[in-house]
Each structure stands twice: as C-alpha cells, then as structure tokens.
Protein backbone atom coordinates (compact mmCIF):
# COMPACT_ATOMS: atom_id res chain seq x y z
CA UNK A 1 -19.07 -10.12 -21.47
CA UNK A 2 -16.78 -12.23 -19.32
CA UNK A 3 -16.04 -14.57 -22.44
CA UNK A 4 -15.11 -11.58 -24.38
CA UNK A 5 -12.89 -10.24 -21.70
CA UNK A 6 -11.28 -13.67 -21.43
CA UNK A 7 -10.58 -13.78 -25.31
CA UNK A 8 -9.02 -10.27 -25.01
CA UNK A 9 -6.80 -11.32 -22.03
CA UNK A 10 -5.61 -14.30 -24.09
CA UNK A 11 -4.77 -12.11 -27.01
CA UNK A 12 -2.86 -9.68 -24.75
CA UNK A 13 -0.91 -12.40 -22.94
CA UNK A 14 2.16 -12.22 -25.09
CA UNK A 15 2.42 -8.52 -24.29
CA UNK A 16 1.93 -9.33 -20.70
CA UNK A 17 4.81 -11.83 -20.73
CA UNK A 18 7.01 -9.38 -22.65
CA UNK A 19 6.41 -6.80 -19.98
CA UNK A 20 7.44 -9.36 -17.40
CA UNK A 21 10.53 -9.96 -19.29
CA UNK A 22 11.21 -6.26 -19.57
CA UNK A 23 10.62 -5.56 -15.82
CA UNK A 24 12.99 -8.31 -15.10
CA UNK A 25 15.84 -6.40 -16.65
CA UNK A 26 15.61 -4.03 -13.66
CA UNK A 27 14.32 -6.33 -11.11
CA UNK A 28 15.33 -9.96 -11.87
CA UNK A 29 12.90 -11.27 -9.26
CA UNK A 30 10.23 -10.73 -11.97
CA UNK A 31 11.83 -13.69 -13.84
CA UNK A 32 11.37 -16.25 -11.14
CA UNK A 33 8.21 -18.27 -10.08
CA UNK A 34 6.49 -17.83 -13.49
CA UNK A 35 4.53 -21.06 -12.97
CA UNK A 36 2.65 -19.55 -10.00
CA UNK A 37 1.22 -16.94 -12.34
CA UNK A 38 -0.47 -19.65 -14.37
CA UNK A 39 -1.87 -21.45 -11.24
CA UNK A 40 0.82 -23.84 -10.90
CA UNK A 41 1.41 -23.36 -7.08
CA UNK A 42 3.30 -25.85 -4.74
CA UNK A 43 1.02 -27.97 -2.57
CA UNK A 44 0.13 -26.85 0.82
CA UNK A 45 1.22 -28.43 4.02
CA UNK A 46 -0.70 -29.82 5.88
CA UNK A 47 -2.94 -30.60 2.95
CA UNK A 48 -6.08 -31.04 5.05
CA UNK A 49 -6.15 -27.78 7.01
CA UNK A 50 -8.80 -25.28 5.88
CA UNK A 51 -7.34 -22.39 3.97
CA UNK A 52 -8.00 -18.71 4.32
CA UNK A 53 -6.82 -16.98 1.11
CA UNK A 54 -6.18 -13.21 1.21
CA UNK A 55 -5.08 -11.13 -1.89
CA UNK A 56 -3.21 -7.94 -1.50
CA UNK A 57 -2.05 -6.51 -4.75
CA UNK A 58 1.10 -4.59 -3.63
CA UNK A 59 3.24 -3.31 -0.74
CA UNK A 60 0.62 -1.00 0.63
CA UNK A 61 -2.15 -3.44 0.57
CA UNK A 62 0.16 -5.91 2.35
CA UNK A 63 0.94 -3.41 4.99
CA UNK A 64 -2.78 -2.69 5.51
CA UNK A 65 -3.62 -6.38 5.69
CA UNK A 66 -0.90 -7.32 8.10
CA UNK A 67 -2.81 -6.49 11.40
CA UNK A 68 -5.97 -8.21 9.86
CA UNK A 69 -4.12 -11.43 9.04
CA UNK A 70 -2.55 -11.42 12.51
CA UNK A 71 -5.93 -11.07 14.12
CA UNK A 72 -7.45 -13.70 11.78
CA UNK A 73 -4.64 -16.09 12.67
CA UNK A 74 -5.47 -15.60 16.42
CA UNK A 75 -9.03 -16.31 15.70
CA UNK A 76 -8.59 -19.20 13.38
CA UNK A 77 -5.38 -20.94 14.54
CA UNK A 78 -6.03 -24.22 12.81
CA UNK A 79 -6.42 -22.62 9.35
CA UNK A 80 -3.51 -22.33 6.85
CA UNK A 81 -3.21 -18.75 5.53
CA UNK A 82 -2.39 -18.07 1.84
CA UNK A 83 -1.38 -14.59 0.98
CA UNK A 84 -1.13 -13.78 -2.77
CA UNK A 85 0.48 -10.64 -4.43
CA UNK A 86 1.46 -9.55 -7.91
CA UNK A 87 4.92 -8.02 -7.36
CA UNK A 88 8.28 -9.15 -6.16
CA UNK A 89 8.46 -6.11 -3.81
CA UNK A 90 5.17 -7.19 -2.22
CA UNK A 91 6.42 -10.79 -1.91
CA UNK A 92 9.48 -9.48 -0.04
CA UNK A 93 7.12 -7.43 2.20
CA UNK A 94 5.16 -10.67 3.08
CA UNK A 95 8.14 -12.49 3.99
CA UNK A 96 9.47 -9.59 6.04
CA UNK A 97 6.18 -9.30 7.89
CA UNK A 98 5.31 -12.99 8.33
CA UNK A 99 8.22 -15.35 7.59
CA UNK A 100 6.79 -18.84 7.47
CA UNK A 101 3.54 -17.84 9.29
CA UNK A 102 1.75 -17.63 5.93
CA UNK A 103 2.25 -19.25 2.51
CA UNK A 104 2.99 -16.68 -0.24
CA UNK A 105 2.11 -17.24 -4.03
CA UNK A 106 1.80 -14.86 -6.84
CA UNK A 107 -1.80 -14.46 -7.77
CA UNK A 108 -2.65 -16.30 -11.06
CA UNK A 109 -3.45 -14.43 -14.15
CA UNK A 110 -7.18 -13.97 -14.56
CA UNK A 111 -7.39 -16.76 -17.13
CA UNK A 112 -9.92 -19.56 -16.67
CA UNK A 113 -7.21 -22.40 -16.67
CA UNK A 114 -4.93 -20.54 -14.35
CA UNK A 115 -7.64 -19.74 -11.95
CA UNK A 116 -8.89 -23.14 -12.08
CA UNK A 117 -5.67 -24.79 -11.25
CA UNK A 118 -5.02 -22.29 -8.41
CA UNK A 119 -8.44 -22.93 -6.80
CA UNK A 120 -7.99 -26.71 -7.12
CA UNK A 121 -4.57 -26.77 -5.53
CA UNK A 122 -5.21 -24.11 -2.77
CA UNK A 123 -8.94 -25.19 -1.99
CA UNK A 124 -9.71 -21.91 0.00
CA UNK A 125 -12.52 -21.91 2.46
CA UNK A 126 -12.86 -18.23 1.95
CA UNK A 127 -11.32 -15.62 -0.31
CA UNK A 128 -10.59 -12.11 0.98
CA UNK A 129 -9.59 -9.50 -1.59
CA UNK A 130 -8.07 -6.31 -0.28
CA UNK A 131 -9.28 -2.86 -1.63
CA UNK A 132 -10.63 -2.77 -5.18
CA UNK A 133 -9.12 -5.62 -7.24
CA UNK A 134 -11.88 -6.81 -9.61
CA UNK A 135 -11.03 -10.05 -11.51
CA UNK A 136 -13.87 -11.52 -13.47
CA UNK A 137 -12.56 -15.07 -13.91
CA UNK A 138 -11.32 -15.22 -10.24
CA UNK A 139 -14.76 -14.03 -8.95
CA UNK A 140 -16.59 -16.48 -11.38
CA UNK A 141 -14.31 -19.15 -10.10
CA UNK A 142 -15.04 -18.61 -6.55
CA UNK A 143 -18.78 -18.41 -7.14
CA UNK A 144 -18.84 -21.62 -9.06
CA UNK A 145 -17.14 -23.49 -6.20
CA UNK A 146 -19.24 -21.75 -3.45
CA UNK A 147 -16.22 -20.01 -1.99
CA UNK A 148 -17.41 -17.04 0.04
CA UNK A 149 -15.76 -13.91 -1.51
CA UNK A 150 -15.23 -10.76 0.59
CA UNK A 151 -13.83 -7.46 -0.62
CA UNK A 152 -12.22 -5.76 2.33
CA UNK A 153 -11.28 -2.10 2.86
CA UNK A 154 -12.74 -1.09 -0.56
CA UNK A 155 -11.94 2.31 -1.94
CA UNK A 156 -13.25 3.26 -5.22
CA UNK A 157 -12.46 6.88 -6.45
CA UNK A 158 -14.71 8.59 -9.07
CA UNK A 159 -11.90 8.16 -11.54
CA UNK A 160 -11.85 4.30 -11.00
CA UNK A 161 -15.69 4.08 -10.93
CA UNK A 162 -15.89 5.97 -14.29
CA UNK A 163 -13.48 3.32 -15.79
CA UNK A 164 -15.76 0.58 -14.55
CA UNK A 165 -18.81 2.21 -15.94
CA UNK A 166 -17.36 1.72 -19.43
CA UNK A 167 -17.72 -2.11 -18.83
CA UNK A 168 -21.03 -1.84 -16.85
CA UNK A 169 -22.29 -5.28 -17.73
CA UNK A 170 -19.04 -6.99 -16.86
CA UNK A 171 -18.64 -4.98 -13.59
CA UNK A 172 -22.21 -5.87 -12.48
CA UNK A 173 -21.61 -9.67 -13.18
CA UNK A 174 -18.36 -9.50 -11.13
CA UNK A 175 -20.05 -7.78 -8.18
CA UNK A 176 -22.99 -10.25 -8.37
CA UNK A 177 -20.43 -13.05 -7.28
CA UNK A 178 -19.22 -11.15 -4.23
CA UNK A 179 -20.63 -12.40 -0.86
CA UNK A 180 -19.91 -9.13 1.12
CA UNK A 181 -18.21 -5.77 0.77
CA UNK A 182 -16.53 -3.69 3.33
CA UNK A 183 -16.36 -0.15 1.95
CA UNK A 184 -14.11 2.54 3.50
CA UNK A 185 -16.59 5.41 3.18
CA UNK A 186 -20.14 6.23 2.16
CA UNK A 187 -18.92 7.52 -1.13
CA UNK A 188 -16.97 4.23 -1.82
CA UNK A 189 -20.07 2.33 -0.95
CA UNK A 190 -22.39 4.36 -3.12
CA UNK A 191 -20.10 4.10 -6.10
CA UNK A 192 -19.79 0.32 -5.88
CA UNK A 193 -23.54 -0.11 -5.38
CA UNK A 194 -24.16 2.04 -8.44
CA UNK A 195 -21.80 -0.45 -10.46
CA UNK A 196 -24.11 -3.28 -9.43
CA UNK A 197 -23.33 -4.46 -6.05
CA UNK A 198 -26.28 -5.56 -4.12
CA UNK A 199 -26.90 -2.76 -1.36
CA UNK A 200 -27.67 -5.30 1.29
CA UNK A 201 -24.11 -6.89 0.93
CA UNK A 202 -22.25 -3.55 1.36
CA UNK A 203 -21.30 -2.07 4.72
CA UNK A 204 -19.27 1.01 5.54
CA UNK A 205 -16.52 -0.01 8.02
CA UNK A 206 -13.95 2.74 7.66
CA UNK A 207 -10.34 2.13 6.61
CA UNK A 208 -8.47 -0.52 8.35
CA UNK A 209 -5.31 1.57 7.76
CA UNK A 210 -6.37 3.63 10.76
CA UNK A 211 -5.98 0.61 12.94
CA UNK A 212 -2.19 0.65 12.38
CA UNK A 213 -0.44 -0.50 15.60
CA UNK A 214 3.15 0.76 16.06
CA UNK A 215 5.74 -1.67 17.53
CA UNK A 216 6.51 -1.08 21.16
CA UNK A 217 10.15 -0.89 20.35
CA UNK A 218 9.72 1.74 17.45
CA UNK A 219 10.63 4.79 19.52
CA UNK A 220 13.79 3.28 20.82
CA UNK A 221 14.87 2.03 17.19
CA UNK A 222 13.98 5.54 15.79
CA UNK A 223 16.03 7.11 18.44
CA UNK A 224 19.07 5.05 17.48
CA UNK A 225 18.53 5.83 13.80
CA UNK A 226 18.17 9.50 14.41
CA UNK A 227 21.44 9.62 16.18
CA UNK A 228 23.05 8.31 12.93
CA UNK A 229 21.01 10.90 10.84
CA UNK A 230 21.97 13.82 13.17
CA UNK A 231 20.00 14.73 16.27
CA UNK A 232 20.49 18.46 15.81
CA UNK A 233 19.66 18.46 12.20
CA UNK A 234 16.20 19.19 10.78
CA UNK A 235 15.01 15.97 8.93
CA UNK A 236 12.39 15.89 6.21
CA UNK A 237 11.26 12.60 4.78
CA UNK A 238 9.69 12.21 1.24
CA UNK A 239 8.28 8.73 1.17
CA UNK A 240 6.93 6.48 -1.41
CA UNK A 241 8.01 8.60 -4.23
CA UNK A 242 7.23 7.95 -7.87
CA UNK A 243 8.81 8.36 -11.21
CA UNK A 244 9.09 12.15 -11.94
CA UNK A 245 8.70 13.21 -8.30
CA UNK A 246 12.28 13.14 -7.28
CA UNK A 247 13.39 15.97 -9.44
CA UNK A 248 10.62 18.11 -8.10
CA UNK A 249 11.37 17.15 -4.50
CA UNK A 250 15.03 17.94 -4.98
CA UNK A 251 14.17 21.38 -6.38
CA UNK A 252 12.21 21.97 -3.19
CA UNK A 253 14.98 20.63 -1.04
CA UNK A 254 17.54 22.98 -2.63
CA UNK A 255 15.31 25.88 -1.49
CA UNK A 256 14.92 24.27 2.00
CA UNK A 257 18.81 24.00 2.19
CA UNK A 258 19.28 27.74 1.33
CA UNK A 259 17.36 28.59 4.57
CA UNK A 260 18.56 25.54 6.59
CA UNK A 261 21.89 24.45 5.28
CA UNK A 262 22.21 21.52 7.77
CA UNK A 263 18.78 20.04 6.74
CA UNK A 264 18.64 16.38 5.71
CA UNK A 265 16.26 14.78 3.23
CA UNK A 266 15.29 11.17 3.80
CA UNK A 267 14.19 10.02 0.31
CA UNK A 268 12.42 6.65 -0.08
CA UNK A 269 11.38 5.66 -3.55
CA UNK A 270 8.25 3.53 -3.82
CA UNK A 271 9.90 0.67 -5.84
CA UNK A 272 13.26 -1.03 -5.17
CA UNK A 273 14.31 -1.11 -8.81
CA UNK A 274 14.52 2.68 -8.78
CA UNK A 275 16.87 2.97 -5.60
CA UNK A 276 19.99 3.10 -7.61
CA UNK A 277 18.56 5.48 -10.19
CA UNK A 278 17.42 7.89 -7.63
CA UNK A 279 20.72 7.72 -5.65
CA UNK A 280 22.49 8.72 -8.88
CA UNK A 281 20.17 11.60 -9.56
CA UNK A 282 20.74 13.04 -6.08
CA UNK A 283 24.55 12.77 -6.58
CA UNK A 284 24.20 14.27 -10.04
CA UNK A 285 22.45 17.24 -8.47
CA UNK A 286 25.45 17.66 -6.21
CA UNK A 287 23.87 16.23 -2.91
CA UNK A 288 26.17 14.15 -0.87
CA UNK A 289 24.21 10.98 -0.47
CA UNK A 290 24.17 7.96 1.89
CA UNK A 291 22.15 4.73 1.35
CA UNK A 292 20.42 3.02 4.34
CA UNK A 293 21.82 -0.30 3.15
CA UNK A 294 25.38 1.01 3.69
CA UNK A 295 24.61 0.87 7.40
CA UNK A 296 26.84 3.98 8.15
CA UNK A 297 26.08 7.29 9.89
CA UNK A 298 25.56 10.50 8.06
CA UNK A 299 28.20 13.13 8.55
CA UNK A 300 27.51 16.89 8.55
CA UNK A 301 28.06 17.08 4.84
CA UNK A 302 25.41 14.40 3.97
CA UNK A 303 22.43 16.07 2.38
CA UNK A 304 20.34 13.03 1.23
CA UNK A 305 19.70 9.71 3.01
CA UNK A 306 18.11 7.07 0.68
CA UNK A 307 15.73 4.51 2.29
CA UNK A 308 16.63 1.73 0.02
CA UNK A 309 15.67 -1.26 2.40
CA UNK A 310 12.41 -3.24 2.68
CA UNK A 311 9.98 -3.01 5.71
CA UNK A 312 11.59 0.06 7.32
CA UNK A 313 9.46 2.93 6.14
CA UNK A 314 7.71 3.05 9.60
CA UNK A 315 11.01 3.37 11.24
CA UNK A 316 12.19 6.02 8.72
CA UNK A 317 9.04 8.09 9.42
CA UNK A 318 9.61 7.80 13.33
CA UNK A 319 13.18 9.18 12.84
CA UNK A 320 11.85 12.27 10.95
CA UNK A 321 10.37 15.61 11.80
CA UNK A 322 8.12 16.16 8.75
CA UNK A 323 6.57 13.89 6.19
CA UNK A 324 5.80 14.38 2.54
CA UNK A 325 3.75 11.49 1.10
CA UNK A 326 4.56 10.78 -2.52
CA UNK A 327 2.54 9.80 -5.51
CA UNK A 328 0.90 13.02 -5.12
CA UNK A 329 3.01 15.56 -6.88
CA UNK A 330 2.52 13.35 -10.16
CA UNK A 331 -0.92 11.99 -11.09
CA UNK A 332 -0.38 8.60 -9.46
CA UNK A 333 -3.04 9.25 -6.81
CA UNK A 334 -1.02 9.44 -3.66
CA UNK A 335 -0.12 6.88 -0.98
CA UNK A 336 -1.01 6.12 2.64
CA UNK A 337 -0.97 9.15 4.77
CA UNK A 338 -2.15 7.62 7.90
CA UNK A 339 1.09 6.05 9.12
CA UNK A 340 3.00 9.39 9.40
CA UNK A 341 -0.16 10.87 11.06
CA UNK A 342 -0.21 8.18 13.59
CA UNK A 343 3.37 8.85 14.43
CA UNK A 344 2.53 12.62 15.15
CA UNK A 345 4.28 14.03 12.07
CA UNK A 346 2.88 16.94 10.11
CA UNK A 347 1.88 15.51 6.81
CA UNK A 348 2.26 17.19 3.40
CA UNK A 349 0.72 16.02 0.19
CA UNK A 350 0.65 17.27 -3.46
CA UNK A 351 -2.37 17.95 -5.47
CA UNK A 352 -2.95 14.35 -6.86
CA UNK A 353 -4.55 12.40 -3.85
CA UNK A 354 -7.58 10.76 -5.59
CA UNK A 355 -6.54 7.28 -4.22
CA UNK A 356 -6.82 8.66 -0.80
CA UNK A 357 -9.32 11.56 -1.23
CA UNK A 358 -11.29 10.93 1.90
CA UNK A 359 -8.15 10.46 4.18
CA UNK A 360 -6.71 13.49 2.77
CA UNK A 361 -9.74 15.51 3.40
CA UNK A 362 -10.11 14.40 7.02
CA UNK A 363 -6.43 15.07 7.75
CA UNK A 364 -6.53 18.58 5.99
CA UNK A 365 -9.91 19.50 7.59
CA UNK A 366 -8.44 18.57 11.00
CA UNK A 367 -5.36 20.63 10.45
CA UNK A 368 -3.05 17.55 10.39
CA UNK A 369 -2.03 17.87 6.94
CA UNK A 370 -1.34 20.45 4.32
CA UNK A 371 -1.90 20.11 0.50
CA UNK A 372 0.55 21.98 -1.71
CA UNK A 373 0.27 22.54 -5.61
CA UNK A 374 3.98 22.83 -6.79
CA UNK A 375 7.66 22.78 -5.52
CA UNK A 376 7.53 26.40 -4.33
CA UNK A 377 4.63 25.63 -1.95
CA UNK A 378 6.23 22.18 -0.93
CA UNK A 379 9.41 24.01 0.05
CA UNK A 380 7.61 26.71 1.90
CA UNK A 381 5.52 24.05 3.93
CA UNK A 382 8.49 21.98 4.79
CA UNK A 383 10.37 25.17 6.03
CA UNK A 384 7.40 26.27 8.15
CA UNK A 385 7.33 23.03 10.02
CA UNK A 386 11.05 22.68 10.34
CA UNK A 387 11.50 26.24 11.78
CA UNK A 388 8.63 26.19 14.20
CA UNK A 389 8.60 23.35 16.67
CA UNK A 390 5.31 24.43 18.22
CA UNK A 391 3.57 24.31 14.98
CA UNK A 392 5.13 21.02 14.19
CA UNK A 393 3.96 19.45 17.44
CA UNK A 394 0.31 20.90 17.31
CA UNK A 395 -0.06 19.72 13.84
CA UNK A 396 1.24 16.19 14.68
CA UNK A 397 -0.89 15.88 17.59
CA UNK A 398 -4.03 16.71 15.49
CA UNK A 399 -3.10 13.81 13.16
CA UNK A 400 -2.33 11.42 16.01
CA UNK A 401 -5.84 12.24 17.70
CA UNK A 402 -7.54 11.77 14.31
CA UNK A 403 -6.20 8.40 13.75
CA UNK A 404 -7.12 7.31 17.34
CA UNK A 405 -10.74 8.63 16.68
CA UNK A 406 -11.11 6.67 13.37
CA UNK A 407 -9.89 3.24 14.68
CA UNK A 408 -12.31 0.27 14.62
CA UNK A 409 -12.74 -0.78 10.99
CA UNK A 410 -10.68 -3.91 11.55
CA UNK A 411 -13.01 -5.25 14.05
CA UNK A 412 -15.97 -4.63 11.71
CA UNK A 413 -14.32 -6.41 8.85
CA UNK A 414 -13.47 -9.20 11.23
CA UNK A 415 -17.19 -9.58 12.13
CA UNK A 416 -18.09 -9.66 8.51
CA UNK A 417 -15.67 -12.35 7.87
CA UNK A 418 -17.00 -14.36 10.65
CA UNK A 419 -20.58 -14.10 9.24
CA UNK A 420 -19.53 -15.84 5.97
CA UNK A 421 -16.70 -18.07 7.20
CA UNK A 422 -17.66 -21.76 6.63
CA UNK A 423 -17.55 -24.21 9.48
CA UNK A 424 -14.24 -26.08 9.37
C-alpha cells in the first residue's frame, strides 16, 4: 500500500508544485526555501548535539507546542531542537516564539528521497508529531532508522477517522511504526486504536492546549491596547476567521451596531494573505477600518479593527470583551477555543466545531461558551454579553475555571517522551 501511495504522490507532485506557485502569488514566502521541501536542509550547528525533532503543521499547532518545546528545552538543555512546519505563516510564528532557540525547517514532502535526505541531515534522536499528521514515508523512515516516534496531543474526529478507514491497510501500517500516542480524549484514543494502533501504546492525556500559560505582562499590554481601541466602547473579537465567514460576521456586526452604535469589531483573519482582502471588504461594507499594523488609535468613528500582525492574537483577545472563534460558521471545523476561555472571555462558536468537538462540549456544558447556528443568533449572543456585564463576567469565570481544572496534559506528554527518549 505504501508503494502505491508513493507512486500516486509522485504523479501528483507537478500539481503540488503548481499550487505552491499559485499560493506564492498572494504570499511570496511560498516561493522561498523550496529545497527544504525536498529534504535539502542546511546543516545543524553544533553537528554532534543530539536532536529533538518536533513537527507542528500550522500556526495553531505551533502555539500549542510552544510551552511543550520550552519544557523540553529545560529538561534537555544539551539537545538541538528542530521544529518543522508546512506554511510560511507557521514559520513566522516559530520565529516570533523562539527566535534562534530552535532551528526551523519546512517539513519535507512525504517522498522517500526527500524523507531520506532530511533524516540523514537532521539525524533526530526522537520525532514528535503534533496532533494527527500521518505520513507513511516519514513514519516508515523513522521506523527503519529506529527513531522513536511519538504522536502528541492527538485529536481524531469521526470525519477524519472515516477518511482514514478508506485506506485502512495503509493507516494500520503507518500506526504500526509509532512508538507512543498521547490522545486528547477517550474518543480520540478509541478511533485511533480502531484504525490499527496498538492499544498498549495509546494513552489519554488530555489536551496540552489547556496548559496555556499567559505572559505576566499580558494584562498591562492589553490595557494599553484597549485605551487605543476605546475604554468605554464595547469590543467584540472575531478571531481566526476563514474564507466566507467575514461577510456573515459583518452582517451580524451591522445588527450589533444598530443596538450599540459605538461597538467595535476586532477582526482577525486566520491567514495573512487575506488581511488586505478582508480590510477591503470591511470598507466596501461602509465600516471605517483601522489596521493593527498602522499602529494608530481608533477614533470614535472607527467600526472595525483588523488584527493583521503575527503573534498578537492573545493580546487582542485580552483587550476584548467577547470572543467569537472562527472556522466554525463555515465547515472548516473551528479553531482553538481554550485561549479566550483562559482569559475569562465568553466564547461563541458556530455550528461547525468538529475539530474541537470535545473542547466545545466541555465549554458549552459548563456554561462558558455558546454555540450559534447563523448570523442572527450570533448577533443576539454578542449583544447579550456586551449589554450585560454580570452575565459576561459569570460566563468568563466558568471558562477560566474549566481551563484550570483541565490542566496537566503537558506533564503527562513529557513523561511519555522521557520513557522513549534515547540516552544521549
């Protein structure tokens, strides 16, 4: 099965490269560092230090992995840390979070030659893959070189599991090469075992995203930002929004503004290449719009504030009153709801949260989040929180307590890593 998969991947490679070229039209960073995608990575310095390789596919996984990487760095200070991602946005997030503390490469395409070159040049002592990134040739390459492979913070929705079941033999072969799996929930563990993972290698650890630690200076920085947004104004943030969501959010915001004419919307698109397009849409809709990158305060006429900078989503959350988490009004599957809950904000999500189903259920059952079906319900929920400070505070506190109660996954994952970490 793996050979058939590899042949298909080679046949599709021209389309993959064309897609890179096309994406580079909107984000030129896609045109850079192509050799890394084929395993031609620069040499590591020092060349003799043991290497911990951690792969986090995109921005959300990098953010979740950041505390884990820092904890590993404290425990294994003599190791070199290599962090791979797939997109320029996630590469920028790595640089913003770590600077030169880690080495960043783009993960190689899952082709035998690219994987072989990457593993030969990096020589990882251990490979840690965040969430559910299953790559047959990478897994096979690690197994062939006796590199322990750990899947951390694994979440597997029923939708994703159904897709893997269509390639059941290949999925089972991949999972046979995995040394240990840290699943977020019992349901995630059951699904991945059903796909062929050995039950003895799977443990339920919870989500390390609950172990988010907020910077000590965050409140002070948020207070400064809030003064620029307007202390007396009601501020609603719509974060990590995806293609097709912004028109729906702006429809809801128009309803909110009819009841609260001074309300401000902080709008943060998920992908940087869409910042300009979303800003243009806001202005076309007649909303006076300011960009975060302009570094200027909002006046009383400003209606929308675009978060068009990297690494500041937590700060933007902390400066807001209510949070809508994007990717959930369109069938993307939703994004991380834990961070705004940890900050004590009421959380609102749309109907499509299959990527964070368990977290969504926990928050909604605790009264810390509300799920809406359409723009009318979204506008009503936002208005309810913005006009009732007691409700806003009580809902936010429920979320904060829930996050505190669910901490501890990171320590369990660190323990699993220690169990399989080779001696230096």
